[in-house]
Amino acid sequence: MEKQEVAVEIKAGELTYSSNSAYAEDLRIAKAIAAGDRALFKNVYDRNINTLFNLARRLAGSTAEAEDIVQDTFIRAYQKIHLFAGRSTLSSWMYRICLNIGLEHLRRKKGTFEDLNDSNCGTVEPDQKKVILRRKLEKAIKKLPKGCQTVFVLHDIEGFNHKEIAERLHLAEGTSKSQLFKARAMLRKILTGQEKA
């Protein structure tokens, strides 16, 4: 399947798309931002903030932490925009940066949840049980290898299909499927007590 060719005109912070070459428009946008077009970066920010915030909130579990992750994402994207090579869309590139920063955040935060069991939970209401189960799942997800963790979050939490994951992470669809299969198997062992959580 051929990609539709698209070109872009850049006028002081405005994007105008027309037909011409795949991903070339995002490369031109990145070059303009790298050359100092802050208004254009604001436009990119506005187009991506909601998607990145939703990803960060799902990874971090709280709005405050998600805001930090998204802020770090845009700072890093702005600082590294000159490295954008145009092999994907600018949105996919930023999504990957956000995902990596979110995973770094999870690794730094590792071990912040105390072990929850009957002795330290007291009487648990149905809504509290959901919170406890969510925390146990979050803790278990953190134990997964990075590749499995990333694919699991994107597929089972974010709702992306394997083709979309493969495009975002620059890997084969089969690798995405394999990582998800391994992640689910490992999570089953962790959550059923067959492996230490």
N, C-alpha and C. Protein backbone atom coordinates (compact mmCIF):
# COMPACT_ATOMS: atom_id res chain seq x y z
N MET A 1 0.84 -1.18 0.00
CA MET A 1 0.00 0.00 0.00
C MET A 1 0.89 1.25 0.00
N GLU A 2 0.67 2.16 -0.92
CA GLU A 2 1.46 3.37 -1.01
C GLU A 2 0.93 4.41 -0.04
N LYS A 3 1.87 5.14 0.57
CA LYS A 3 1.47 6.22 1.44
C LYS A 3 1.07 7.41 0.59
N GLN A 4 0.04 8.12 1.02
CA GLN A 4 -0.37 9.32 0.31
C GLN A 4 0.72 10.37 0.51
N GLU A 5 1.09 11.01 -0.56
CA GLU A 5 2.13 12.02 -0.46
C GLU A 5 1.53 13.35 -0.05
N VAL A 6 2.16 13.98 0.93
CA VAL A 6 1.67 15.23 1.46
C VAL A 6 2.82 16.21 1.61
N ALA A 7 2.61 17.44 1.23
CA ALA A 7 3.60 18.49 1.45
C ALA A 7 3.00 19.51 2.38
N VAL A 8 3.81 20.40 2.88
CA VAL A 8 3.32 21.39 3.82
C VAL A 8 3.92 22.75 3.51
N GLU A 9 3.13 23.75 3.69
CA GLU A 9 3.62 25.12 3.61
C GLU A 9 3.71 25.61 5.03
N ILE A 10 4.83 26.23 5.38
CA ILE A 10 4.99 26.74 6.73
C ILE A 10 5.06 28.26 6.65
N LYS A 11 4.12 28.91 7.33
CA LYS A 11 4.10 30.37 7.37
C LYS A 11 4.01 30.78 8.83
N ALA A 12 5.07 31.27 9.37
CA ALA A 12 5.12 31.80 10.74
C ALA A 12 4.15 31.13 11.69
N GLY A 13 4.39 29.86 12.00
CA GLY A 13 3.58 29.16 12.99
C GLY A 13 2.32 28.53 12.48
N GLU A 14 2.05 28.57 11.19
CA GLU A 14 0.83 27.95 10.65
C GLU A 14 1.20 26.76 9.78
N LEU A 15 0.37 25.73 9.82
CA LEU A 15 0.57 24.55 9.00
C LEU A 15 -0.50 24.49 7.92
N THR A 16 -0.09 24.29 6.68
CA THR A 16 -1.03 24.11 5.58
C THR A 16 -0.59 22.89 4.79
N TYR A 17 -1.42 21.85 4.76
CA TYR A 17 -1.04 20.62 4.08
C TYR A 17 -1.60 20.57 2.66
N SER A 18 -0.80 20.02 1.75
CA SER A 18 -1.25 19.74 0.38
C SER A 18 -0.55 18.46 -0.06
N SER A 19 -0.88 17.96 -1.24
CA SER A 19 -0.31 16.69 -1.70
C SER A 19 1.16 16.80 -2.10
N ASN A 20 2.05 15.87 -1.66
CA ASN A 20 3.43 15.78 -2.18
C ASN A 20 4.35 14.70 -1.63
N SER A 21 4.78 14.58 -0.38
CA SER A 21 5.66 13.47 -0.03
C SER A 21 5.49 13.01 1.41
N ALA A 22 5.51 11.67 1.62
CA ALA A 22 5.22 11.08 2.93
C ALA A 22 6.22 11.52 3.98
N TYR A 23 5.70 11.98 5.11
CA TYR A 23 6.48 12.42 6.27
C TYR A 23 7.33 13.66 6.00
N ALA A 24 7.43 14.10 4.76
CA ALA A 24 8.26 15.26 4.44
C ALA A 24 7.75 16.51 5.14
N GLU A 25 6.43 16.63 5.28
CA GLU A 25 5.88 17.82 5.93
C GLU A 25 6.33 17.91 7.37
N ASP A 26 6.35 16.76 8.08
CA ASP A 26 6.77 16.80 9.47
C ASP A 26 8.27 17.09 9.59
N LEU A 27 9.04 16.63 8.64
CA LEU A 27 10.47 16.93 8.63
C LEU A 27 10.68 18.44 8.42
N ARG A 28 9.92 19.02 7.53
CA ARG A 28 10.01 20.47 7.30
C ARG A 28 9.59 21.26 8.54
N ILE A 29 8.53 20.77 9.19
CA ILE A 29 8.07 21.42 10.42
C ILE A 29 9.17 21.36 11.48
N ALA A 30 9.77 20.19 11.64
CA ALA A 30 10.84 20.02 12.63
C ALA A 30 12.01 20.95 12.33
N LYS A 31 12.37 21.07 11.06
CA LYS A 31 13.49 21.95 10.69
C LYS A 31 13.14 23.41 10.99
N ALA A 32 11.90 23.79 10.74
CA ALA A 32 11.48 25.17 11.02
C ALA A 32 11.52 25.44 12.53
N ILE A 33 11.09 24.47 13.33
CA ILE A 33 11.13 24.62 14.78
C ILE A 33 12.58 24.71 15.25
N ALA A 34 13.43 23.82 14.72
CA ALA A 34 14.84 23.83 15.08
C ALA A 34 15.50 25.17 14.73
N ALA A 35 14.99 25.82 13.68
CA ALA A 35 15.51 27.13 13.26
C ALA A 35 14.94 28.27 14.11
N GLY A 36 14.04 27.95 15.03
CA GLY A 36 13.55 28.96 15.96
C GLY A 36 12.09 29.36 15.86
N ASP A 37 11.29 28.65 15.07
CA ASP A 37 9.87 29.00 14.93
C ASP A 37 9.08 28.47 16.13
N ARG A 38 8.99 29.27 17.18
CA ARG A 38 8.31 28.86 18.42
C ARG A 38 6.79 28.78 18.23
N ALA A 39 6.26 29.63 17.38
CA ALA A 39 4.81 29.61 17.13
C ALA A 39 4.41 28.28 16.49
N LEU A 40 5.26 27.74 15.63
CA LEU A 40 4.99 26.45 15.00
C LEU A 40 5.06 25.33 16.04
N PHE A 41 6.00 25.44 16.98
CA PHE A 41 6.08 24.44 18.05
C PHE A 41 4.82 24.50 18.91
N LYS A 42 4.30 25.69 19.15
CA LYS A 42 3.05 25.84 19.90
C LYS A 42 1.91 25.12 19.18
N ASN A 43 1.90 25.21 17.85
CA ASN A 43 0.89 24.52 17.05
C ASN A 43 1.03 23.01 17.22
N VAL A 44 2.26 22.50 17.19
CA VAL A 44 2.52 21.07 17.39
C VAL A 44 2.08 20.67 18.80
N TYR A 45 2.37 21.51 19.77
CA TYR A 45 1.95 21.28 21.16
C TYR A 45 0.43 21.13 21.23
N ASP A 46 -0.27 22.10 20.65
CA ASP A 46 -1.73 22.08 20.70
C ASP A 46 -2.32 20.82 20.05
N ARG A 47 -1.69 20.34 18.99
CA ARG A 47 -2.20 19.16 18.28
C ARG A 47 -1.94 17.85 19.04
N ASN A 48 -0.95 17.85 19.94
CA ASN A 48 -0.53 16.61 20.59
C ASN A 48 -0.78 16.53 22.09
N ILE A 49 -1.09 17.65 22.73
CA ILE A 49 -1.17 17.67 24.19
C ILE A 49 -2.16 16.67 24.76
N ASN A 50 -3.34 16.56 24.19
CA ASN A 50 -4.35 15.65 24.76
C ASN A 50 -3.94 14.19 24.67
N THR A 51 -3.43 13.78 23.52
CA THR A 51 -3.00 12.39 23.33
C THR A 51 -1.87 12.05 24.29
N LEU A 52 -0.89 12.94 24.39
CA LEU A 52 0.26 12.68 25.26
C LEU A 52 -0.15 12.69 26.73
N PHE A 53 -1.05 13.59 27.09
CA PHE A 53 -1.49 13.63 28.49
C PHE A 53 -2.25 12.35 28.86
N ASN A 54 -3.10 11.87 27.97
CA ASN A 54 -3.83 10.62 28.24
C ASN A 54 -2.87 9.45 28.42
N LEU A 55 -1.85 9.37 27.56
CA LEU A 55 -0.85 8.31 27.70
C LEU A 55 -0.13 8.44 29.04
N ALA A 56 0.32 9.64 29.36
CA ALA A 56 1.07 9.86 30.60
C ALA A 56 0.23 9.54 31.84
N ARG A 57 -1.05 9.91 31.81
CA ARG A 57 -1.91 9.64 32.96
C ARG A 57 -2.10 8.14 33.14
N ARG A 58 -2.23 7.42 32.03
CA ARG A 58 -2.40 5.96 32.15
C ARG A 58 -1.12 5.31 32.66
N LEU A 59 0.02 5.83 32.26
CA LEU A 59 1.29 5.27 32.73
C LEU A 59 1.54 5.61 34.20
N ALA A 60 1.28 6.86 34.57
CA ALA A 60 1.63 7.34 35.91
C ALA A 60 0.55 7.07 36.94
N GLY A 61 -0.70 7.11 36.52
CA GLY A 61 -1.79 6.86 37.46
C GLY A 61 -2.29 8.10 38.18
N SER A 62 -1.63 9.26 37.98
CA SER A 62 -2.13 10.47 38.62
C SER A 62 -1.97 11.66 37.68
N THR A 63 -2.83 12.63 37.85
CA THR A 63 -2.81 13.82 36.99
C THR A 63 -1.52 14.62 37.19
N ALA A 64 -1.11 14.80 38.45
CA ALA A 64 0.10 15.60 38.73
C ALA A 64 1.33 14.98 38.09
N GLU A 65 1.48 13.67 38.24
CA GLU A 65 2.64 13.00 37.64
C GLU A 65 2.56 13.03 36.11
N ALA A 66 1.35 12.89 35.58
CA ALA A 66 1.16 12.95 34.12
C ALA A 66 1.57 14.32 33.59
N GLU A 67 1.23 15.38 34.33
CA GLU A 67 1.62 16.73 33.90
C GLU A 67 3.14 16.86 33.84
N ASP A 68 3.83 16.29 34.83
CA ASP A 68 5.30 16.33 34.83
C ASP A 68 5.87 15.58 33.63
N ILE A 69 5.30 14.41 33.34
CA ILE A 69 5.77 13.60 32.21
C ILE A 69 5.57 14.34 30.90
N VAL A 70 4.41 14.95 30.74
CA VAL A 70 4.11 15.67 29.49
C VAL A 70 5.01 16.89 29.36
N GLN A 71 5.22 17.61 30.45
CA GLN A 71 6.12 18.77 30.41
C GLN A 71 7.52 18.33 29.99
N ASP A 72 8.02 17.24 30.61
CA ASP A 72 9.34 16.72 30.24
C ASP A 72 9.37 16.28 28.78
N THR A 73 8.26 15.73 28.30
CA THR A 73 8.18 15.29 26.90
C THR A 73 8.36 16.46 25.95
N PHE A 74 7.64 17.54 26.19
CA PHE A 74 7.74 18.69 25.29
C PHE A 74 9.10 19.38 25.39
N ILE A 75 9.66 19.42 26.59
CA ILE A 75 11.01 19.99 26.74
C ILE A 75 12.01 19.17 25.95
N ARG A 76 11.95 17.83 26.12
CA ARG A 76 12.90 16.97 25.42
C ARG A 76 12.68 17.03 23.91
N ALA A 77 11.43 17.05 23.48
CA ALA A 77 11.14 17.13 22.04
C ALA A 77 11.70 18.42 21.46
N TYR A 78 11.52 19.51 22.17
CA TYR A 78 12.03 20.80 21.68
C TYR A 78 13.55 20.79 21.61
N GLN A 79 14.18 20.23 22.64
CA GLN A 79 15.65 20.18 22.68
C GLN A 79 16.22 19.25 21.61
N LYS A 80 15.47 18.20 21.24
CA LYS A 80 15.97 17.19 20.31
C LYS A 80 15.35 17.28 18.92
N ILE A 81 14.57 18.32 18.66
CA ILE A 81 13.83 18.42 17.39
C ILE A 81 14.77 18.35 16.19
N HIS A 82 15.99 18.84 16.35
CA HIS A 82 16.94 18.79 15.24
C HIS A 82 17.34 17.36 14.87
N LEU A 83 17.06 16.39 15.76
CA LEU A 83 17.38 14.99 15.50
C LEU A 83 16.25 14.25 14.79
N PHE A 84 15.07 14.88 14.69
CA PHE A 84 13.94 14.24 14.02
C PHE A 84 14.31 14.02 12.55
N ALA A 85 14.21 12.74 12.11
CA ALA A 85 14.68 12.38 10.77
C ALA A 85 13.56 12.21 9.74
N GLY A 86 12.31 12.33 10.16
CA GLY A 86 11.21 12.21 9.20
C GLY A 86 10.89 10.79 8.79
N ARG A 87 11.26 9.80 9.60
CA ARG A 87 10.94 8.40 9.28
C ARG A 87 9.58 7.99 9.83
N SER A 88 8.94 8.89 10.56
CA SER A 88 7.59 8.68 11.09
C SER A 88 6.95 10.06 11.16
N THR A 89 5.73 10.12 11.66
CA THR A 89 5.12 11.43 11.85
C THR A 89 5.73 12.07 13.09
N LEU A 90 5.65 13.36 13.16
CA LEU A 90 6.13 14.08 14.34
C LEU A 90 5.33 13.66 15.57
N SER A 91 4.04 13.41 15.40
CA SER A 91 3.19 12.97 16.51
C SER A 91 3.65 11.62 17.05
N SER A 92 3.99 10.68 16.16
CA SER A 92 4.47 9.36 16.60
C SER A 92 5.81 9.48 17.31
N TRP A 93 6.67 10.36 16.81
CA TRP A 93 7.98 10.59 17.43
C TRP A 93 7.80 11.13 18.84
N MET A 94 6.89 12.09 19.01
CA MET A 94 6.65 12.66 20.33
C MET A 94 5.97 11.66 21.26
N TYR A 95 5.10 10.82 20.70
CA TYR A 95 4.43 9.78 21.48
C TYR A 95 5.47 8.83 22.07
N ARG A 96 6.45 8.49 21.24
CA ARG A 96 7.51 7.59 21.71
C ARG A 96 8.35 8.24 22.80
N ILE A 97 8.63 9.53 22.65
CA ILE A 97 9.37 10.26 23.69
C ILE A 97 8.57 10.23 25.00
N CYS A 98 7.28 10.50 24.91
CA CYS A 98 6.42 10.50 26.10
C CYS A 98 6.39 9.11 26.73
N LEU A 99 6.28 8.09 25.92
CA LEU A 99 6.26 6.73 26.42
C LEU A 99 7.56 6.41 27.15
N ASN A 100 8.71 6.78 26.56
CA ASN A 100 10.00 6.53 27.20
C ASN A 100 10.14 7.29 28.52
N ILE A 101 9.72 8.55 28.53
CA ILE A 101 9.79 9.34 29.77
C ILE A 101 8.85 8.74 30.82
N GLY A 102 7.67 8.32 30.39
CA GLY A 102 6.73 7.68 31.32
C GLY A 102 7.30 6.40 31.92
N LEU A 103 7.96 5.60 31.09
CA LEU A 103 8.57 4.36 31.59
C LEU A 103 9.75 4.66 32.51
N GLU A 104 10.54 5.71 32.19
CA GLU A 104 11.62 6.14 33.10
C GLU A 104 11.02 6.52 34.45
N HIS A 105 9.92 7.25 34.40
CA HIS A 105 9.23 7.68 35.62
C HIS A 105 8.79 6.45 36.44
N LEU A 106 8.23 5.45 35.77
CA LEU A 106 7.80 4.24 36.48
C LEU A 106 8.98 3.51 37.11
N ARG A 107 10.10 3.46 36.40
CA ARG A 107 11.28 2.79 36.95
C ARG A 107 11.80 3.53 38.19
N ARG A 108 11.80 4.86 38.15
CA ARG A 108 12.26 5.66 39.30
C ARG A 108 11.32 5.47 40.49
N LYS A 109 10.04 5.30 40.19
CA LYS A 109 9.01 5.20 41.22
C LYS A 109 8.89 3.79 41.78
N LYS A 110 9.57 2.84 41.16
CA LYS A 110 9.45 1.42 41.54
C LYS A 110 9.57 1.24 43.05
N GLY A 111 8.65 0.45 43.59
CA GLY A 111 8.71 0.15 45.01
C GLY A 111 7.99 1.15 45.89
N THR A 112 7.28 2.12 45.31
CA THR A 112 6.61 3.11 46.14
C THR A 112 5.27 2.60 46.70
N PHE A 113 4.72 1.54 46.12
CA PHE A 113 3.49 0.98 46.67
C PHE A 113 3.85 -0.03 47.75
N GLU A 114 3.19 0.07 48.90
CA GLU A 114 3.44 -0.95 49.91
C GLU A 114 2.67 -2.21 49.52
N ASP A 115 3.14 -3.35 49.98
CA ASP A 115 2.42 -4.59 49.70
C ASP A 115 1.07 -4.54 50.40
N LEU A 116 0.04 -4.84 49.65
CA LEU A 116 -1.31 -4.79 50.20
C LEU A 116 -1.78 -6.22 50.49
N ASN A 117 -2.25 -6.45 51.69
CA ASN A 117 -2.78 -7.75 52.05
C ASN A 117 -3.88 -7.56 53.08
N ASP A 118 -4.50 -8.65 53.51
CA ASP A 118 -5.63 -8.56 54.44
C ASP A 118 -5.26 -7.89 55.75
N SER A 119 -4.02 -8.08 56.22
CA SER A 119 -3.66 -7.53 57.53
C SER A 119 -3.48 -6.02 57.52
N ASN A 120 -3.07 -5.42 56.39
CA ASN A 120 -2.86 -3.97 56.41
C ASN A 120 -3.94 -3.20 55.64
N CYS A 121 -4.98 -3.89 55.20
CA CYS A 121 -6.05 -3.20 54.47
C CYS A 121 -7.28 -2.98 55.33
N GLY A 122 -7.44 -3.73 56.42
CA GLY A 122 -8.63 -3.59 57.24
C GLY A 122 -9.87 -3.99 56.46
N THR A 123 -10.99 -3.37 56.78
CA THR A 123 -12.22 -3.64 56.05
C THR A 123 -12.18 -2.88 54.74
N VAL A 124 -12.40 -3.61 53.66
CA VAL A 124 -12.26 -3.01 52.34
C VAL A 124 -13.61 -2.95 51.65
N GLU A 125 -14.01 -1.75 51.26
CA GLU A 125 -15.24 -1.54 50.52
C GLU A 125 -15.03 -1.96 49.07
N PRO A 126 -16.12 -2.24 48.32
CA PRO A 126 -15.98 -2.65 46.92
C PRO A 126 -15.15 -1.67 46.08
N ASP A 127 -15.35 -0.36 46.26
CA ASP A 127 -14.57 0.62 45.50
C ASP A 127 -13.09 0.56 45.87
N GLN A 128 -12.82 0.32 47.16
CA GLN A 128 -11.43 0.22 47.61
C GLN A 128 -10.77 -1.03 47.03
N LYS A 129 -11.56 -2.09 46.86
CA LYS A 129 -11.00 -3.31 46.27
C LYS A 129 -10.50 -3.04 44.85
N LYS A 130 -11.24 -2.21 44.11
CA LYS A 130 -10.80 -1.86 42.76
C LYS A 130 -9.47 -1.12 42.80
N VAL A 131 -9.33 -0.22 43.77
CA VAL A 131 -8.08 0.53 43.92
C VAL A 131 -6.94 -0.41 44.26
N ILE A 132 -7.20 -1.34 45.17
CA ILE A 132 -6.17 -2.30 45.58
C ILE A 132 -5.76 -3.18 44.40
N LEU A 133 -6.75 -3.67 43.65
CA LEU A 133 -6.45 -4.49 42.48
C LEU A 133 -5.66 -3.70 41.44
N ARG A 134 -6.04 -2.45 41.26
CA ARG A 134 -5.31 -1.61 40.30
C ARG A 134 -3.86 -1.43 40.72
N ARG A 135 -3.64 -1.19 42.02
CA ARG A 135 -2.27 -1.02 42.51
C ARG A 135 -1.46 -2.30 42.35
N LYS A 136 -2.10 -3.44 42.62
CA LYS A 136 -1.40 -4.71 42.42
C LYS A 136 -1.03 -4.90 40.95
N LEU A 137 -1.96 -4.55 40.05
CA LEU A 137 -1.68 -4.67 38.62
C LEU A 137 -0.56 -3.72 38.21
N GLU A 138 -0.61 -2.47 38.70
CA GLU A 138 0.45 -1.50 38.38
C GLU A 138 1.81 -2.01 38.84
N LYS A 139 1.83 -2.57 40.04
CA LYS A 139 3.08 -3.10 40.59
C LYS A 139 3.57 -4.27 39.74
N ALA A 140 2.67 -5.12 39.32
CA ALA A 140 3.03 -6.27 38.49
C ALA A 140 3.54 -5.81 37.12
N ILE A 141 2.89 -4.80 36.54
CA ILE A 141 3.32 -4.28 35.22
C ILE A 141 4.74 -3.75 35.31
N LYS A 142 5.08 -3.11 36.42
CA LYS A 142 6.43 -2.55 36.59
C LYS A 142 7.50 -3.63 36.59
N LYS A 143 7.13 -4.85 36.93
CA LYS A 143 8.10 -5.95 36.96
C LYS A 143 8.39 -6.52 35.57
N LEU A 144 7.57 -6.17 34.59
CA LEU A 144 7.77 -6.71 33.24
C LEU A 144 9.02 -6.11 32.60
N PRO A 145 9.69 -6.88 31.73
CA PRO A 145 10.78 -6.30 30.96
C PRO A 145 10.26 -5.13 30.12
N LYS A 146 11.12 -4.18 29.80
CA LYS A 146 10.69 -2.93 29.15
C LYS A 146 9.85 -3.18 27.89
N GLY A 147 10.29 -4.08 27.01
CA GLY A 147 9.56 -4.34 25.77
C GLY A 147 8.16 -4.87 26.02
N CYS A 148 8.06 -5.83 26.93
CA CYS A 148 6.76 -6.40 27.28
C CYS A 148 5.86 -5.35 27.92
N GLN A 149 6.45 -4.57 28.83
CA GLN A 149 5.69 -3.53 29.53
C GLN A 149 5.13 -2.51 28.54
N THR A 150 5.96 -2.07 27.62
CA THR A 150 5.54 -1.05 26.65
C THR A 150 4.40 -1.57 25.79
N VAL A 151 4.56 -2.77 25.24
CA VAL A 151 3.52 -3.33 24.36
C VAL A 151 2.24 -3.58 25.15
N PHE A 152 2.35 -4.08 26.38
CA PHE A 152 1.16 -4.34 27.19
C PHE A 152 0.39 -3.04 27.44
N VAL A 153 1.10 -1.99 27.83
CA VAL A 153 0.45 -0.70 28.10
C VAL A 153 -0.23 -0.18 26.83
N LEU A 154 0.48 -0.23 25.71
CA LEU A 154 -0.09 0.29 24.47
C LEU A 154 -1.28 -0.53 23.99
N HIS A 155 -1.20 -1.86 24.09
CA HIS A 155 -2.26 -2.72 23.57
C HIS A 155 -3.44 -2.85 24.54
N ASP A 156 -3.16 -3.31 25.75
CA ASP A 156 -4.24 -3.63 26.68
C ASP A 156 -4.77 -2.44 27.47
N ILE A 157 -3.96 -1.39 27.60
CA ILE A 157 -4.43 -0.22 28.35
C ILE A 157 -4.82 0.91 27.40
N GLU A 158 -3.94 1.21 26.45
CA GLU A 158 -4.21 2.30 25.51
C GLU A 158 -5.15 1.90 24.37
N GLY A 159 -5.22 0.59 24.06
CA GLY A 159 -6.15 0.12 23.03
C GLY A 159 -5.62 0.15 21.61
N PHE A 160 -4.30 0.26 21.43
CA PHE A 160 -3.73 0.24 20.08
C PHE A 160 -3.68 -1.20 19.57
N ASN A 161 -3.82 -1.37 18.25
CA ASN A 161 -3.66 -2.71 17.67
C ASN A 161 -2.18 -2.94 17.36
N HIS A 162 -1.84 -4.17 16.99
CA HIS A 162 -0.43 -4.52 16.79
C HIS A 162 0.22 -3.75 15.64
N LYS A 163 -0.56 -3.46 14.61
CA LYS A 163 -0.02 -2.69 13.49
C LYS A 163 0.38 -1.29 13.96
N GLU A 164 -0.50 -0.65 14.73
CA GLU A 164 -0.22 0.70 15.24
C GLU A 164 0.97 0.68 16.19
N ILE A 165 1.06 -0.33 17.03
CA ILE A 165 2.18 -0.45 17.96
C ILE A 165 3.48 -0.62 17.18
N ALA A 166 3.45 -1.48 16.18
CA ALA A 166 4.64 -1.72 15.36
C ALA A 166 5.12 -0.43 14.70
N GLU A 167 4.19 0.36 14.19
CA GLU A 167 4.55 1.63 13.56
C GLU A 167 5.13 2.61 14.57
N ARG A 168 4.52 2.70 15.75
CA ARG A 168 4.98 3.66 16.75
C ARG A 168 6.35 3.28 17.33
N LEU A 169 6.57 1.99 17.51
CA LEU A 169 7.81 1.54 18.15
C LEU A 169 8.87 1.06 17.16
N HIS A 170 8.54 1.14 15.87
CA HIS A 170 9.47 0.71 14.81
C HIS A 170 9.93 -0.75 15.01
N LEU A 171 8.95 -1.63 15.13
CA LEU A 171 9.25 -3.06 15.23
C LEU A 171 8.23 -3.85 14.42
N ALA A 172 8.48 -5.13 14.25
CA ALA A 172 7.58 -5.99 13.47
C ALA A 172 6.30 -6.28 14.26
N GLU A 173 5.19 -6.47 13.54
CA GLU A 173 3.93 -6.81 14.21
C GLU A 173 4.08 -8.09 15.01
N GLY A 174 4.82 -9.06 14.47
CA GLY A 174 5.03 -10.32 15.17
C GLY A 174 5.74 -10.12 16.50
N THR A 175 6.67 -9.18 16.53
CA THR A 175 7.38 -8.87 17.78
C THR A 175 6.41 -8.28 18.80
N SER A 176 5.52 -7.41 18.34
CA SER A 176 4.51 -6.83 19.23
C SER A 176 3.63 -7.93 19.81
N LYS A 177 3.17 -8.84 18.96
CA LYS A 177 2.31 -9.95 19.42
C LYS A 177 3.05 -10.83 20.43
N SER A 178 4.30 -11.13 20.14
CA SER A 178 5.12 -11.96 21.01
C SER A 178 5.33 -11.29 22.37
N GLN A 179 5.64 -9.98 22.35
CA GLN A 179 5.85 -9.25 23.61
C GLN A 179 4.57 -9.22 24.45
N LEU A 180 3.42 -9.06 23.78
CA LEU A 180 2.15 -9.03 24.51
C LEU A 180 1.86 -10.39 25.13
N PHE A 181 2.09 -11.46 24.36
CA PHE A 181 1.87 -12.82 24.87
C PHE A 181 2.74 -13.06 26.11
N LYS A 182 4.02 -12.68 26.03
CA LYS A 182 4.93 -12.86 27.18
C LYS A 182 4.48 -12.02 28.37
N ALA A 183 4.07 -10.77 28.08
CA ALA A 183 3.63 -9.89 29.17
C ALA A 183 2.43 -10.47 29.90
N ARG A 184 1.44 -10.95 29.15
CA ARG A 184 0.24 -11.51 29.78
C ARG A 184 0.58 -12.76 30.60
N ALA A 185 1.44 -13.60 30.05
CA ALA A 185 1.84 -14.82 30.77
C ALA A 185 2.56 -14.47 32.07
N MET A 186 3.47 -13.50 32.00
CA MET A 186 4.20 -13.09 33.20
C MET A 186 3.26 -12.46 34.23
N LEU A 187 2.32 -11.64 33.76
CA LEU A 187 1.37 -11.01 34.69
C LEU A 187 0.49 -12.05 35.38
N ARG A 188 0.07 -13.07 34.62
CA ARG A 188 -0.74 -14.14 35.24
C ARG A 188 0.04 -14.80 36.38
N LYS A 189 1.32 -15.09 36.13
CA LYS A 189 2.15 -15.73 37.17
C LYS A 189 2.31 -14.81 38.38
N ILE A 190 2.58 -13.55 38.12
CA ILE A 190 2.77 -12.60 39.21
C ILE A 190 1.49 -12.44 40.03
N LEU A 191 0.36 -12.25 39.35
CA LEU A 191 -0.89 -11.96 40.04
C LEU A 191 -1.52 -13.19 40.71
N THR A 192 -1.14 -14.38 40.27
CA THR A 192 -1.66 -15.60 40.93
C THR A 192 -0.70 -16.13 41.98
N GLY A 193 0.40 -15.38 42.19
CA GLY A 193 1.35 -15.78 43.23
C GLY A 193 2.34 -16.84 42.83
N GLN A 194 2.38 -17.20 41.54
CA GLN A 194 3.35 -18.20 41.07
C GLN A 194 4.73 -17.59 40.92
N GLU A 195 4.80 -16.25 40.96
CA GLU A 195 6.08 -15.56 40.91
C GLU A 195 5.95 -14.37 41.86
N LYS A 196 7.03 -14.01 42.53
CA LYS A 196 6.97 -12.90 43.47
C LYS A 196 6.65 -11.61 42.75
N ALA A 197 5.69 -10.83 43.28
CA ALA A 197 5.32 -9.53 42.71
C ALA A 197 6.24 -8.45 43.22
